Protein backbone atom coordinates (compact mmCIF):
# COMPACT_ATOMS: atom_id res chain seq x y z
CA MET A 1 -9.61 -0.30 -5.75
CA GLU A 2 -6.84 -0.29 -8.29
CA CYS A 3 -4.52 1.29 -5.66
CA ILE A 4 -5.23 -1.65 -3.31
CA CYS A 5 -4.51 -4.25 -6.03
CA ARG A 6 -1.26 -2.55 -6.94
CA GLN A 7 -0.27 -2.49 -3.29
CA LYS A 8 -1.02 -6.21 -3.04
CA ARG A 9 1.21 -6.98 -6.09
CA VAL A 10 4.00 -4.88 -4.69
CA ARG A 11 3.70 -6.48 -1.32
CA LEU A 12 3.87 -9.93 -2.77
CA SER A 13 6.88 -9.12 -4.89
CA TYR A 14 8.49 -7.52 -1.81
CA GLU A 15 7.96 -10.68 0.20
CA LYS A 16 9.52 -12.76 -2.70
CA LYS A 17 12.59 -10.55 -2.74
CA CYS A 18 12.93 -10.77 1.05
CA ALA A 19 12.80 -14.59 0.81
CA ARG A 20 15.33 -14.51 -2.05
CA LEU A 21 17.67 -12.38 0.14
CA ARG A 22 17.40 -14.82 2.98
CA SER A 23 18.11 -17.68 0.60
CA GLN A 24 21.08 -15.81 -0.86
CA GLY A 25 22.53 -15.19 2.56
CA ALA A 26 22.12 -18.88 3.55
CA ASP A 27 23.64 -20.06 0.26
CA GLY A 28 26.57 -17.66 0.36
CA ALA A 29 25.70 -15.84 -2.84
CA GLU A 30 27.96 -13.27 -4.42
CA SER A 31 27.99 -9.85 -2.89
CA PHE A 32 26.74 -8.15 -6.10
CA ALA A 33 23.75 -10.37 -6.19
CA ILE A 34 22.90 -9.64 -2.53
CA LYS A 35 23.35 -5.86 -3.18
CA ARG A 36 21.06 -6.09 -6.25
CA THR A 37 18.37 -7.87 -4.23
CA LYS A 38 18.71 -5.28 -1.31
CA ALA A 39 18.23 -2.46 -3.87
CA ALA A 40 15.16 -4.17 -5.26
CA ILE A 41 13.80 -4.55 -1.74
CA SER A 42 14.43 -0.90 -0.98
CA ASP A 43 12.64 0.06 -4.14
CA HIS A 44 9.65 -2.10 -3.26
CA ARG A 45 9.58 -0.67 0.34
CA ILE A 46 9.33 2.80 -1.16
CA LYS A 47 6.52 1.76 -3.48
CA LEU A 48 4.67 0.10 -0.56
CA ASN A 49 4.98 3.31 1.51
CA ILE A 50 3.58 5.42 -1.33
CA SER A 51 0.71 2.99 -1.91
CA LEU A 52 -0.13 2.97 1.83
CA ALA A 53 -0.08 6.75 1.88
CA SER A 54 -2.38 6.85 -1.12
CA VAL A 55 -4.83 4.40 0.49
CA ASN A 56 -4.83 6.25 3.71
CA ALA A 57 -5.44 9.61 2.01
CA LEU A 58 -8.30 8.15 0.00
CA SER A 59 -9.79 6.57 3.14
CA GLN A 60 -9.63 9.84 5.00
CA ARG A 61 -11.30 11.65 2.05
CA VAL A 62 -14.07 9.04 1.99
CA VAL A 63 -14.73 9.63 5.66
CA VAL A 64 -14.77 13.41 5.15
CA VAL A 65 -17.20 13.20 2.26
CA HIS A 66 -19.36 10.66 4.09
CA ASP A 67 -19.61 12.88 7.23
CA GLU A 68 -20.22 16.20 5.43
CA PRO A 69 -24.08 15.77 5.17
CA ALA A 70 -24.26 14.84 8.89
CA ALA A 71 -22.19 17.90 9.75
CA ARG A 72 -24.64 20.09 7.93
CA GLY A 73 -27.62 18.42 9.70
CA ALA A 74 -28.79 16.94 6.33
CA HIS A 75 -29.70 13.25 5.97
CA PRO A 76 -27.21 11.41 3.71
CA ASN A 77 -30.23 10.27 1.61
CA PRO A 78 -31.82 13.41 0.12
CA SER A 79 -35.10 11.60 -0.59
CA HIS A 80 -35.50 10.91 3.13
CA ASN A 81 -38.33 12.96 4.62
CA PRO A 82 -38.83 12.51 8.35
């Protein structure tokens, strides 16, 4: 859950930086400011990709763990007696 919350914060910050870059382009900002914003966006994109990979890996692991009892022929609830 923490990973998803962190991803949401990074994504929101990324979107704000993208909006800032569009604004800077429209306002004719200094090139150093635009470069700094582009670098921040690149950093956020890397963090987003890492977060997405972490969430995907965790999701795949949950599926595997969930499916293990079924693969062995056991019921997921050990107290279940047919």
